[in-house]
Amino acid sequence: MSAVQLLSTERRKEIEANLADIGGAVQRSARASSTHPPRLVAVSKYKPASDILAAYNCGQPIPNLWAVETIDSEAKARKLNDAWEGAGHSRGLNVFIQVNTSDEESKGGVEQHDVDAVARAIVEECKGLRLLGLMTIGSIEGSQQRPNPDFLRLRQLRDDLNAKLGLSLELSMGMSDDFEHALELGATNVRVGSRIFGSRATNATQ
């Protein structure tokens, strides 16, 4: 019996309804002038395979590894490029540069002043990678502000890179509590988890 068959009808309908609700909100909140259609990334960390397969069956199937959003150094970009090309893939792997827009030591991501160097390394040296855009998680404090300063910083960095390198980069920003605001500020990727799958389990319950 498959993982999806093990999923209760009630749970499957819950996930389907949540996806439809969030997907509709994404489309409604997207800027009419957006160059790139908005993309919903369903975040399924710590969720059972049955939940993930139920969500997958509701959407449009995509390649197993479509994008990596956590490139935060030139070294990581080069290593990923070597591994991807070494595996013999015929298509380029989409990547986002993760940027620490809040300057928090606890946050991952490249420092803002190093974004140009990482972007140039990907574009000029990593032929197996396709630089798709910039990503940020941002600070808790920033997520409570309107406009969100982390989103504004990422958008400005994106605009600067586009002008310098002649690119048309996307923005991956916004999560369950602020994805609609992120879309208003130009996000093309939003990462939503709890509003689709429910709250993440705590360490005590994992």
N, C-alpha and C. Protein backbone atom coordinates (compact mmCIF):
# COMPACT_ATOMS: atom_id res chain seq x y z
N MET A 1 0.85 -1.20 0.00
CA MET A 1 0.00 0.00 0.00
C MET A 1 0.88 1.24 0.00
N SER A 2 0.56 2.22 -0.87
CA SER A 2 1.40 3.40 -0.98
C SER A 2 1.16 4.35 0.17
N ALA A 3 2.11 5.33 0.30
CA ALA A 3 1.99 6.33 1.36
C ALA A 3 0.73 7.15 1.20
N VAL A 4 0.35 7.45 -0.06
CA VAL A 4 -0.86 8.25 -0.28
C VAL A 4 -2.10 7.45 0.12
N GLN A 5 -2.10 6.13 -0.18
CA GLN A 5 -3.24 5.31 0.20
C GLN A 5 -3.39 5.24 1.72
N LEU A 6 -2.29 5.35 2.45
CA LEU A 6 -2.34 5.31 3.90
C LEU A 6 -2.88 6.60 4.49
N LEU A 7 -2.87 7.66 3.71
CA LEU A 7 -3.34 8.95 4.19
C LEU A 7 -4.87 8.95 4.27
N SER A 8 -5.40 9.48 5.36
CA SER A 8 -6.86 9.51 5.51
C SER A 8 -7.47 10.46 4.49
N THR A 9 -8.69 10.17 4.11
CA THR A 9 -9.40 11.04 3.15
C THR A 9 -9.53 12.45 3.71
N GLU A 10 -9.77 12.55 5.00
CA GLU A 10 -9.91 13.86 5.63
C GLU A 10 -8.61 14.67 5.53
N ARG A 11 -7.48 14.02 5.80
CA ARG A 11 -6.19 14.71 5.72
C ARG A 11 -5.87 15.10 4.28
N ARG A 12 -6.13 14.22 3.34
CA ARG A 12 -5.87 14.53 1.93
C ARG A 12 -6.69 15.74 1.48
N LYS A 13 -7.97 15.77 1.87
CA LYS A 13 -8.82 16.89 1.49
C LYS A 13 -8.36 18.19 2.15
N GLU A 14 -7.85 18.07 3.39
CA GLU A 14 -7.34 19.24 4.09
C GLU A 14 -6.16 19.85 3.34
N ILE A 15 -5.22 19.01 2.91
CA ILE A 15 -4.05 19.50 2.19
C ILE A 15 -4.46 20.08 0.84
N GLU A 16 -5.37 19.40 0.14
CA GLU A 16 -5.84 19.90 -1.14
C GLU A 16 -6.51 21.27 -0.99
N ALA A 17 -7.34 21.42 0.04
CA ALA A 17 -8.03 22.69 0.27
C ALA A 17 -7.04 23.80 0.63
N ASN A 18 -6.05 23.47 1.47
CA ASN A 18 -5.04 24.47 1.85
C ASN A 18 -4.23 24.92 0.64
N LEU A 19 -3.85 23.97 -0.20
CA LEU A 19 -3.09 24.32 -1.40
C LEU A 19 -3.91 25.21 -2.34
N ALA A 20 -5.18 24.88 -2.49
CA ALA A 20 -6.04 25.70 -3.35
C ALA A 20 -6.19 27.10 -2.78
N ASP A 21 -6.35 27.19 -1.47
CA ASP A 21 -6.51 28.49 -0.81
C ASP A 21 -5.25 29.34 -0.95
N ILE A 22 -4.09 28.75 -0.65
CA ILE A 22 -2.84 29.50 -0.73
C ILE A 22 -2.50 29.82 -2.18
N GLY A 23 -2.72 28.87 -3.07
CA GLY A 23 -2.46 29.12 -4.49
C GLY A 23 -3.29 30.27 -5.02
N GLY A 24 -4.54 30.33 -4.61
CA GLY A 24 -5.39 31.44 -5.03
C GLY A 24 -4.92 32.76 -4.46
N ALA A 25 -4.48 32.74 -3.19
CA ALA A 25 -3.97 33.96 -2.56
C ALA A 25 -2.70 34.44 -3.26
N VAL A 26 -1.85 33.50 -3.66
CA VAL A 26 -0.63 33.87 -4.38
C VAL A 26 -0.97 34.58 -5.68
N GLN A 27 -1.90 34.03 -6.42
CA GLN A 27 -2.28 34.65 -7.69
C GLN A 27 -2.92 36.02 -7.49
N ARG A 28 -3.76 36.15 -6.47
CA ARG A 28 -4.43 37.43 -6.23
C ARG A 28 -3.46 38.51 -5.76
N SER A 29 -2.45 38.10 -5.00
CA SER A 29 -1.53 39.07 -4.42
C SER A 29 -0.39 39.46 -5.37
N ALA A 30 -0.19 38.69 -6.41
CA ALA A 30 0.91 38.96 -7.33
C ALA A 30 0.69 40.31 -8.02
N ARG A 31 1.75 41.03 -8.21
CA ARG A 31 1.65 42.31 -8.90
C ARG A 31 1.30 42.07 -10.36
N ALA A 32 0.37 42.85 -10.87
CA ALA A 32 -0.03 42.70 -12.27
C ALA A 32 1.13 42.98 -13.21
N SER A 33 2.08 43.79 -12.76
CA SER A 33 3.21 44.16 -13.60
C SER A 33 4.41 43.25 -13.43
N SER A 34 4.28 42.17 -12.63
CA SER A 34 5.41 41.28 -12.37
C SER A 34 5.91 40.65 -13.66
N THR A 35 7.22 40.68 -13.84
CA THR A 35 7.83 40.08 -15.03
C THR A 35 7.70 38.58 -15.01
N HIS A 36 7.81 37.98 -13.82
CA HIS A 36 7.77 36.52 -13.67
C HIS A 36 6.50 36.11 -12.94
N PRO A 37 5.76 35.14 -13.47
CA PRO A 37 4.60 34.63 -12.73
C PRO A 37 5.02 34.11 -11.37
N PRO A 38 4.21 34.33 -10.33
CA PRO A 38 4.59 33.87 -8.99
C PRO A 38 4.60 32.35 -8.90
N ARG A 39 5.47 31.84 -8.03
CA ARG A 39 5.65 30.41 -7.85
C ARG A 39 5.49 30.07 -6.37
N LEU A 40 4.67 29.08 -6.06
CA LEU A 40 4.47 28.64 -4.69
C LEU A 40 5.35 27.43 -4.40
N VAL A 41 6.19 27.54 -3.36
CA VAL A 41 7.03 26.44 -2.93
C VAL A 41 6.45 25.89 -1.63
N ALA A 42 5.97 24.67 -1.66
CA ALA A 42 5.38 24.05 -0.47
C ALA A 42 6.49 23.47 0.40
N VAL A 43 6.66 24.02 1.60
CA VAL A 43 7.74 23.62 2.50
C VAL A 43 7.24 22.49 3.39
N SER A 44 7.87 21.31 3.25
CA SER A 44 7.34 20.11 3.90
C SER A 44 8.30 19.51 4.92
N LYS A 45 9.19 20.31 5.48
CA LYS A 45 10.18 19.79 6.42
C LYS A 45 9.50 19.11 7.60
N TYR A 46 9.99 17.92 7.94
CA TYR A 46 9.51 17.10 9.05
C TYR A 46 8.12 16.50 8.83
N LYS A 47 7.55 16.69 7.65
CA LYS A 47 6.23 16.11 7.39
C LYS A 47 6.37 14.71 6.81
N PRO A 48 5.38 13.84 7.04
CA PRO A 48 5.46 12.47 6.52
C PRO A 48 5.36 12.42 5.01
N ALA A 49 5.88 11.33 4.45
CA ALA A 49 5.85 11.17 2.99
C ALA A 49 4.44 11.22 2.44
N SER A 50 3.47 10.74 3.21
CA SER A 50 2.08 10.74 2.74
C SER A 50 1.58 12.15 2.50
N ASP A 51 1.94 13.10 3.37
CA ASP A 51 1.55 14.50 3.19
C ASP A 51 2.18 15.07 1.93
N ILE A 52 3.47 14.79 1.75
CA ILE A 52 4.21 15.34 0.61
C ILE A 52 3.65 14.81 -0.71
N LEU A 53 3.37 13.51 -0.75
CA LEU A 53 2.83 12.92 -1.98
C LEU A 53 1.43 13.44 -2.28
N ALA A 54 0.65 13.67 -1.24
CA ALA A 54 -0.69 14.22 -1.45
C ALA A 54 -0.60 15.61 -2.07
N ALA A 55 0.32 16.43 -1.56
CA ALA A 55 0.51 17.76 -2.12
C ALA A 55 1.04 17.68 -3.55
N TYR A 56 1.98 16.77 -3.76
CA TYR A 56 2.56 16.61 -5.10
C TYR A 56 1.49 16.24 -6.12
N ASN A 57 0.58 15.37 -5.74
CA ASN A 57 -0.47 14.93 -6.66
C ASN A 57 -1.49 16.02 -6.96
N CYS A 58 -1.47 17.09 -6.17
CA CYS A 58 -2.38 18.21 -6.41
C CYS A 58 -1.81 19.22 -7.39
N GLY A 59 -0.50 19.14 -7.63
CA GLY A 59 0.15 20.19 -8.41
C GLY A 59 0.69 19.70 -9.73
N GLN A 60 1.58 20.54 -10.31
CA GLN A 60 2.20 20.22 -11.58
C GLN A 60 3.55 19.57 -11.32
N PRO A 61 3.75 18.31 -11.74
CA PRO A 61 5.03 17.64 -11.49
C PRO A 61 6.19 18.41 -12.11
N ILE A 62 7.30 18.46 -11.39
CA ILE A 62 8.50 19.14 -11.85
C ILE A 62 9.69 18.19 -11.68
N PRO A 63 10.83 18.50 -12.31
CA PRO A 63 12.00 17.63 -12.13
C PRO A 63 12.33 17.45 -10.65
N ASN A 64 12.93 16.31 -10.32
CA ASN A 64 13.20 15.96 -8.93
C ASN A 64 13.99 17.04 -8.21
N LEU A 65 15.02 17.57 -8.85
CA LEU A 65 15.77 18.68 -8.28
C LEU A 65 15.70 19.83 -9.27
N TRP A 66 14.85 20.79 -8.98
CA TRP A 66 14.61 21.89 -9.91
C TRP A 66 15.46 23.11 -9.57
N ALA A 67 15.67 23.35 -8.28
CA ALA A 67 16.42 24.54 -7.88
C ALA A 67 17.04 24.34 -6.51
N VAL A 68 18.14 25.04 -6.27
CA VAL A 68 18.78 25.11 -4.96
C VAL A 68 18.78 26.58 -4.56
N GLU A 69 18.20 26.88 -3.39
CA GLU A 69 18.03 28.28 -2.99
C GLU A 69 19.02 28.73 -1.92
N THR A 70 20.04 27.94 -1.64
CA THR A 70 20.90 28.22 -0.48
C THR A 70 22.37 28.41 -0.86
N ILE A 71 22.64 28.94 -2.04
CA ILE A 71 24.03 29.24 -2.40
C ILE A 71 24.47 30.49 -1.64
N ASP A 72 25.50 30.35 -0.80
CA ASP A 72 25.92 31.48 0.02
C ASP A 72 27.43 31.75 -0.05
N SER A 73 28.09 31.20 -1.06
CA SER A 73 29.51 31.48 -1.24
C SER A 73 29.93 31.06 -2.64
N GLU A 74 31.05 31.61 -3.09
CA GLU A 74 31.60 31.21 -4.38
C GLU A 74 32.01 29.74 -4.32
N ALA A 75 32.59 29.32 -3.20
CA ALA A 75 33.06 27.94 -3.06
C ALA A 75 31.90 26.95 -3.18
N LYS A 76 30.79 27.26 -2.53
CA LYS A 76 29.64 26.35 -2.60
C LYS A 76 29.10 26.28 -4.02
N ALA A 77 29.08 27.41 -4.72
CA ALA A 77 28.60 27.42 -6.10
C ALA A 77 29.49 26.54 -6.98
N ARG A 78 30.79 26.67 -6.81
CA ARG A 78 31.71 25.87 -7.64
C ARG A 78 31.59 24.38 -7.34
N LYS A 79 31.45 24.02 -6.06
CA LYS A 79 31.30 22.61 -5.70
C LYS A 79 30.01 22.03 -6.26
N LEU A 80 28.93 22.78 -6.16
CA LEU A 80 27.66 22.31 -6.70
C LEU A 80 27.74 22.17 -8.22
N ASN A 81 28.38 23.13 -8.86
CA ASN A 81 28.54 23.07 -10.31
C ASN A 81 29.33 21.82 -10.72
N ASP A 82 30.43 21.56 -10.03
CA ASP A 82 31.25 20.39 -10.36
C ASP A 82 30.46 19.09 -10.16
N ALA A 83 29.69 19.03 -9.07
CA ALA A 83 28.91 17.82 -8.80
C ALA A 83 27.81 17.63 -9.84
N TRP A 84 27.16 18.72 -10.21
CA TRP A 84 26.06 18.65 -11.18
C TRP A 84 26.58 18.23 -12.56
N GLU A 85 27.66 18.86 -12.99
CA GLU A 85 28.23 18.51 -14.29
C GLU A 85 28.82 17.10 -14.26
N GLY A 86 29.43 16.73 -13.13
CA GLY A 86 30.01 15.41 -13.00
C GLY A 86 28.98 14.30 -13.07
N ALA A 87 27.74 14.62 -12.68
CA ALA A 87 26.66 13.63 -12.73
C ALA A 87 26.09 13.48 -14.14
N GLY A 88 26.55 14.32 -15.05
CA GLY A 88 26.14 14.19 -16.45
C GLY A 88 24.80 14.78 -16.80
N HIS A 89 24.30 15.72 -16.00
CA HIS A 89 23.00 16.33 -16.30
C HIS A 89 23.09 17.18 -17.56
N SER A 90 22.07 17.09 -18.38
CA SER A 90 22.06 17.84 -19.64
C SER A 90 21.47 19.24 -19.48
N ARG A 91 20.71 19.46 -18.41
CA ARG A 91 20.11 20.78 -18.19
C ARG A 91 20.85 21.51 -17.07
N GLY A 92 20.79 22.83 -17.11
CA GLY A 92 21.38 23.62 -16.05
C GLY A 92 20.53 23.57 -14.80
N LEU A 93 21.16 23.63 -13.65
CA LEU A 93 20.44 23.62 -12.38
C LEU A 93 20.18 25.05 -11.94
N ASN A 94 18.92 25.37 -11.70
CA ASN A 94 18.55 26.71 -11.22
C ASN A 94 19.07 26.91 -9.80
N VAL A 95 19.63 28.09 -9.54
CA VAL A 95 20.10 28.39 -8.20
C VAL A 95 19.71 29.81 -7.81
N PHE A 96 19.50 29.99 -6.50
CA PHE A 96 19.29 31.31 -5.91
C PHE A 96 20.44 31.58 -4.95
N ILE A 97 20.90 32.79 -4.89
CA ILE A 97 21.89 33.19 -3.89
C ILE A 97 21.14 33.58 -2.63
N GLN A 98 21.44 32.90 -1.51
CA GLN A 98 20.83 33.25 -0.24
C GLN A 98 21.58 34.43 0.37
N VAL A 99 20.86 35.49 0.69
CA VAL A 99 21.47 36.73 1.19
C VAL A 99 21.04 36.98 2.63
N ASN A 100 22.00 37.32 3.47
CA ASN A 100 21.70 37.69 4.86
C ASN A 100 21.35 39.18 4.88
N THR A 101 20.10 39.49 4.63
CA THR A 101 19.67 40.89 4.52
C THR A 101 19.53 41.57 5.87
N SER A 102 19.48 40.80 6.96
CA SER A 102 19.30 41.38 8.29
C SER A 102 20.61 41.51 9.06
N ASP A 103 21.70 41.03 8.48
CA ASP A 103 23.03 41.10 9.13
C ASP A 103 23.05 40.40 10.49
N GLU A 104 22.24 39.37 10.65
CA GLU A 104 22.22 38.61 11.90
C GLU A 104 23.25 37.48 11.83
N GLU A 105 24.03 37.32 12.88
CA GLU A 105 25.03 36.26 12.90
C GLU A 105 24.39 34.87 12.85
N SER A 106 23.18 34.75 13.36
CA SER A 106 22.52 33.45 13.40
C SER A 106 21.91 33.06 12.05
N LYS A 107 21.85 34.00 11.13
CA LYS A 107 21.24 33.75 9.84
C LYS A 107 22.27 33.28 8.82
N GLY A 108 21.86 32.35 7.97
CA GLY A 108 22.71 31.93 6.86
C GLY A 108 22.61 32.93 5.73
N GLY A 109 23.49 32.77 4.77
CA GLY A 109 23.44 33.64 3.61
C GLY A 109 24.69 34.47 3.43
N VAL A 110 24.95 34.86 2.20
CA VAL A 110 26.10 35.69 1.88
C VAL A 110 25.88 37.10 2.40
N GLU A 111 26.94 37.76 2.83
CA GLU A 111 26.82 39.16 3.25
C GLU A 111 26.46 40.02 2.04
N GLN A 112 25.76 41.09 2.30
CA GLN A 112 25.25 41.90 1.19
C GLN A 112 26.37 42.43 0.29
N HIS A 113 27.50 42.78 0.88
CA HIS A 113 28.59 43.35 0.07
C HIS A 113 29.31 42.30 -0.77
N ASP A 114 29.00 41.01 -0.54
CA ASP A 114 29.64 39.95 -1.31
C ASP A 114 28.74 39.36 -2.39
N VAL A 115 27.52 39.88 -2.52
CA VAL A 115 26.57 39.31 -3.47
C VAL A 115 27.09 39.41 -4.90
N ASP A 116 27.67 40.56 -5.26
CA ASP A 116 28.18 40.74 -6.62
C ASP A 116 29.20 39.66 -6.99
N ALA A 117 30.13 39.40 -6.08
CA ALA A 117 31.20 38.44 -6.37
C ALA A 117 30.64 37.03 -6.57
N VAL A 118 29.69 36.64 -5.72
CA VAL A 118 29.10 35.31 -5.85
C VAL A 118 28.31 35.21 -7.16
N ALA A 119 27.57 36.25 -7.49
CA ALA A 119 26.79 36.24 -8.73
C ALA A 119 27.71 36.13 -9.95
N ARG A 120 28.79 36.89 -9.95
CA ARG A 120 29.72 36.84 -11.09
C ARG A 120 30.37 35.46 -11.20
N ALA A 121 30.70 34.85 -10.08
CA ALA A 121 31.30 33.52 -10.11
C ALA A 121 30.35 32.51 -10.74
N ILE A 122 29.07 32.60 -10.40
CA ILE A 122 28.09 31.68 -10.96
C ILE A 122 27.93 31.91 -12.46
N VAL A 123 27.74 33.16 -12.84
CA VAL A 123 27.49 33.49 -14.25
C VAL A 123 28.70 33.20 -15.12
N GLU A 124 29.88 33.54 -14.65
CA GLU A 124 31.08 33.45 -15.48
C GLU A 124 31.80 32.11 -15.40
N GLU A 125 31.70 31.40 -14.27
CA GLU A 125 32.49 30.19 -14.09
C GLU A 125 31.68 28.90 -14.02
N CYS A 126 30.44 28.99 -13.58
CA CYS A 126 29.65 27.78 -13.30
C CYS A 126 28.65 27.52 -14.43
N LYS A 127 29.12 26.89 -15.47
CA LYS A 127 28.30 26.70 -16.66
C LYS A 127 27.18 25.69 -16.46
N GLY A 128 27.28 24.88 -15.40
CA GLY A 128 26.22 23.94 -15.12
C GLY A 128 25.09 24.52 -14.29
N LEU A 129 25.28 25.76 -13.82
CA LEU A 129 24.27 26.40 -12.99
C LEU A 129 23.62 27.55 -13.74
N ARG A 130 22.38 27.81 -13.40
CA ARG A 130 21.64 28.94 -13.97
C ARG A 130 21.20 29.83 -12.82
N LEU A 131 21.78 31.02 -12.75
CA LEU A 131 21.42 31.94 -11.67
C LEU A 131 20.02 32.47 -11.91
N LEU A 132 19.11 32.04 -11.04
CA LEU A 132 17.70 32.40 -11.22
C LEU A 132 17.30 33.61 -10.40
N GLY A 133 17.94 33.80 -9.22
CA GLY A 133 17.53 34.94 -8.41
C GLY A 133 18.22 34.99 -7.08
N LEU A 134 17.67 35.82 -6.19
CA LEU A 134 18.17 36.00 -4.83
C LEU A 134 17.10 35.55 -3.84
N MET A 135 17.55 35.03 -2.70
CA MET A 135 16.62 34.56 -1.67
C MET A 135 17.03 35.11 -0.31
N THR A 136 16.03 35.43 0.51
CA THR A 136 16.30 35.80 1.90
C THR A 136 15.24 35.21 2.80
N ILE A 137 15.63 34.93 4.04
CA ILE A 137 14.68 34.54 5.08
C ILE A 137 14.30 35.77 5.90
N GLY A 138 15.26 36.61 6.19
CA GLY A 138 14.95 37.86 6.90
C GLY A 138 14.79 37.65 8.40
N SER A 139 14.64 38.76 9.09
CA SER A 139 14.54 38.72 10.55
C SER A 139 13.08 38.67 11.00
N ILE A 140 12.88 38.22 12.23
CA ILE A 140 11.54 38.22 12.81
C ILE A 140 11.03 39.65 12.94
N GLU A 141 11.94 40.56 13.37
CA GLU A 141 11.55 41.96 13.53
C GLU A 141 11.11 42.55 12.18
N GLY A 142 11.86 42.24 11.15
CA GLY A 142 11.53 42.77 9.83
C GLY A 142 10.20 42.28 9.32
N SER A 143 9.85 41.04 9.66
CA SER A 143 8.59 40.47 9.17
C SER A 143 7.38 41.15 9.78
N GLN A 144 7.60 41.89 10.85
CA GLN A 144 6.49 42.59 11.51
C GLN A 144 6.34 44.03 11.03
N GLN A 145 7.21 44.45 10.11
CA GLN A 145 7.17 45.82 9.61
C GLN A 145 6.60 45.86 8.19
N ARG A 146 5.98 46.98 7.86
CA ARG A 146 5.46 47.20 6.51
C ARG A 146 5.90 48.59 6.04
N PRO A 147 6.72 48.65 4.99
CA PRO A 147 7.23 47.50 4.24
C PRO A 147 8.34 46.79 4.98
N ASN A 148 8.51 45.53 4.68
CA ASN A 148 9.54 44.72 5.31
C ASN A 148 10.92 45.17 4.81
N PRO A 149 11.80 45.63 5.71
CA PRO A 149 13.10 46.13 5.27
C PRO A 149 13.97 45.07 4.61
N ASP A 150 13.85 43.81 5.00
CA ASP A 150 14.62 42.74 4.38
C ASP A 150 14.20 42.54 2.93
N PHE A 151 12.92 42.60 2.68
CA PHE A 151 12.42 42.47 1.31
C PHE A 151 12.90 43.64 0.45
N LEU A 152 12.86 44.83 1.02
CA LEU A 152 13.32 46.00 0.27
C LEU A 152 14.81 45.89 -0.07
N ARG A 153 15.61 45.42 0.89
CA ARG A 153 17.06 45.28 0.63
C ARG A 153 17.31 44.25 -0.47
N LEU A 154 16.59 43.13 -0.41
CA LEU A 154 16.80 42.09 -1.41
C LEU A 154 16.39 42.60 -2.80
N ARG A 155 15.30 43.32 -2.85
CA ARG A 155 14.86 43.86 -4.14
C ARG A 155 15.87 44.84 -4.71
N GLN A 156 16.45 45.68 -3.85
CA GLN A 156 17.46 46.63 -4.32
C GLN A 156 18.72 45.91 -4.81
N LEU A 157 19.14 44.88 -4.07
CA LEU A 157 20.29 44.09 -4.51
C LEU A 157 20.02 43.44 -5.86
N ARG A 158 18.81 42.94 -6.03
CA ARG A 158 18.42 42.32 -7.31
C ARG A 158 18.48 43.34 -8.44
N ASP A 159 17.92 44.53 -8.19
CA ASP A 159 17.91 45.57 -9.22
C ASP A 159 19.33 45.98 -9.60
N ASP A 160 20.20 46.08 -8.60
CA ASP A 160 21.60 46.46 -8.86
C ASP A 160 22.29 45.39 -9.71
N LEU A 161 22.07 44.12 -9.37
CA LEU A 161 22.70 43.04 -10.14
C LEU A 161 22.17 43.00 -11.57
N ASN A 162 20.88 43.19 -11.72
CA ASN A 162 20.31 43.21 -13.07
C ASN A 162 20.97 44.27 -13.93
N ALA A 163 21.18 45.44 -13.34
CA ALA A 163 21.78 46.54 -14.09
C ALA A 163 23.25 46.26 -14.42
N LYS A 164 23.98 45.67 -13.46
CA LYS A 164 25.41 45.43 -13.66
C LYS A 164 25.69 44.28 -14.62
N LEU A 165 24.89 43.22 -14.52
CA LEU A 165 25.19 41.99 -15.25
C LEU A 165 24.22 41.72 -16.41
N GLY A 166 23.27 42.61 -16.60
CA GLY A 166 22.32 42.42 -17.69
C GLY A 166 21.43 41.21 -17.50
N LEU A 167 21.01 40.97 -16.27
CA LEU A 167 20.20 39.81 -15.94
C LEU A 167 18.74 40.20 -15.70
N SER A 168 17.91 39.20 -15.49
CA SER A 168 16.52 39.41 -15.11
C SER A 168 16.21 38.43 -13.98
N LEU A 169 16.72 38.78 -12.79
CA LEU A 169 16.67 37.86 -11.66
C LEU A 169 15.33 37.90 -10.93
N GLU A 170 15.01 36.78 -10.31
CA GLU A 170 13.80 36.66 -9.51
C GLU A 170 14.11 36.91 -8.04
N LEU A 171 13.04 36.94 -7.24
CA LEU A 171 13.16 37.13 -5.79
C LEU A 171 12.42 36.02 -5.07
N SER A 172 13.12 35.31 -4.19
CA SER A 172 12.50 34.30 -3.34
C SER A 172 12.46 34.85 -1.92
N MET A 173 11.29 35.23 -1.48
CA MET A 173 11.14 35.82 -0.14
C MET A 173 9.68 35.72 0.26
N GLY A 174 9.47 35.64 1.57
CA GLY A 174 8.12 35.53 2.08
C GLY A 174 7.78 34.10 2.44
N MET A 175 7.16 33.94 3.63
CA MET A 175 6.74 32.61 4.10
C MET A 175 5.28 32.67 4.54
N SER A 176 4.86 31.73 5.34
CA SER A 176 3.43 31.58 5.63
C SER A 176 2.77 32.86 6.13
N ASP A 177 3.47 33.61 6.99
CA ASP A 177 2.85 34.77 7.62
C ASP A 177 2.96 36.07 6.82
N ASP A 178 3.85 36.07 5.80
CA ASP A 178 4.04 37.35 5.10
C ASP A 178 4.20 37.20 3.60
N PHE A 179 3.77 36.06 3.04
CA PHE A 179 3.99 35.86 1.61
C PHE A 179 3.20 36.83 0.74
N GLU A 180 2.02 37.23 1.21
CA GLU A 180 1.23 38.17 0.41
C GLU A 180 1.92 39.53 0.32
N HIS A 181 2.49 39.97 1.42
CA HIS A 181 3.25 41.22 1.42
C HIS A 181 4.49 41.09 0.53
N ALA A 182 5.16 39.93 0.59
CA ALA A 182 6.33 39.71 -0.25
C ALA A 182 5.96 39.80 -1.73
N LEU A 183 4.82 39.25 -2.10
CA LEU A 183 4.37 39.33 -3.48
C LEU A 183 4.11 40.78 -3.90
N GLU A 184 3.57 41.56 -2.99
CA GLU A 184 3.35 42.98 -3.27
C GLU A 184 4.64 43.71 -3.59
N LEU A 185 5.75 43.22 -2.99
CA LEU A 185 7.05 43.86 -3.19
C LEU A 185 7.87 43.18 -4.28
N GLY A 186 7.25 42.26 -5.02
CA GLY A 186 7.91 41.70 -6.18
C GLY A 186 8.42 40.29 -6.08
N ALA A 187 8.08 39.55 -5.02
CA ALA A 187 8.53 38.16 -4.90
C ALA A 187 7.99 37.32 -6.05
N THR A 188 8.81 36.40 -6.53
CA THR A 188 8.37 35.45 -7.54
C THR A 188 8.33 34.03 -6.98
N ASN A 189 9.03 33.80 -5.88
CA ASN A 189 8.97 32.53 -5.15
C ASN A 189 8.54 32.84 -3.71
N VAL A 190 7.51 32.16 -3.23
CA VAL A 190 7.14 32.26 -1.82
C VAL A 190 7.13 30.86 -1.23
N ARG A 191 7.64 30.73 -0.01
CA ARG A 191 7.80 29.42 0.63
C ARG A 191 6.78 29.30 1.77
N VAL A 192 5.81 28.44 1.59
CA VAL A 192 4.72 28.31 2.55
C VAL A 192 4.68 26.89 3.08
N GLY A 193 4.69 26.75 4.40
CA GLY A 193 4.66 25.43 5.01
C GLY A 193 3.48 25.21 5.92
N SER A 194 3.43 25.96 7.04
CA SER A 194 2.42 25.69 8.07
C SER A 194 1.00 25.93 7.58
N ARG A 195 0.80 26.84 6.66
CA ARG A 195 -0.56 27.10 6.18
C ARG A 195 -1.02 26.06 5.16
N ILE A 196 -0.11 25.17 4.77
CA ILE A 196 -0.48 24.05 3.91
C ILE A 196 -0.53 22.75 4.71
N PHE A 197 0.53 22.48 5.46
CA PHE A 197 0.67 21.20 6.15
C PHE A 197 0.37 21.25 7.65
N GLY A 198 0.19 22.46 8.20
CA GLY A 198 0.02 22.58 9.63
C GLY A 198 1.34 22.92 10.29
N SER A 199 1.30 23.21 11.58
CA SER A 199 2.48 23.64 12.31
C SER A 199 3.54 22.54 12.30
N ARG A 200 4.82 22.99 12.29
CA ARG A 200 5.94 22.06 12.33
C ARG A 200 6.04 21.44 13.71
N ALA A 201 6.38 20.16 13.77
CA ALA A 201 6.52 19.47 15.04
C ALA A 201 7.69 20.04 15.83
N THR A 202 7.54 20.09 17.14
CA THR A 202 8.65 20.54 17.99
C THR A 202 9.63 19.41 18.19
N ASN A 203 10.80 19.73 18.74
CA ASN A 203 11.82 18.70 18.96
C ASN A 203 11.31 17.57 19.84
N ALA A 204 10.42 17.92 20.75
CA ALA A 204 9.90 16.90 21.68
C ALA A 204 8.97 15.92 21.02
N THR A 205 8.36 16.34 19.88
CA THR A 205 7.37 15.49 19.24
C THR A 205 7.84 14.87 17.94
N GLN A 206 9.05 15.22 17.50
CA GLN A 206 9.57 14.69 16.25
C GLN A 206 9.95 13.22 16.43
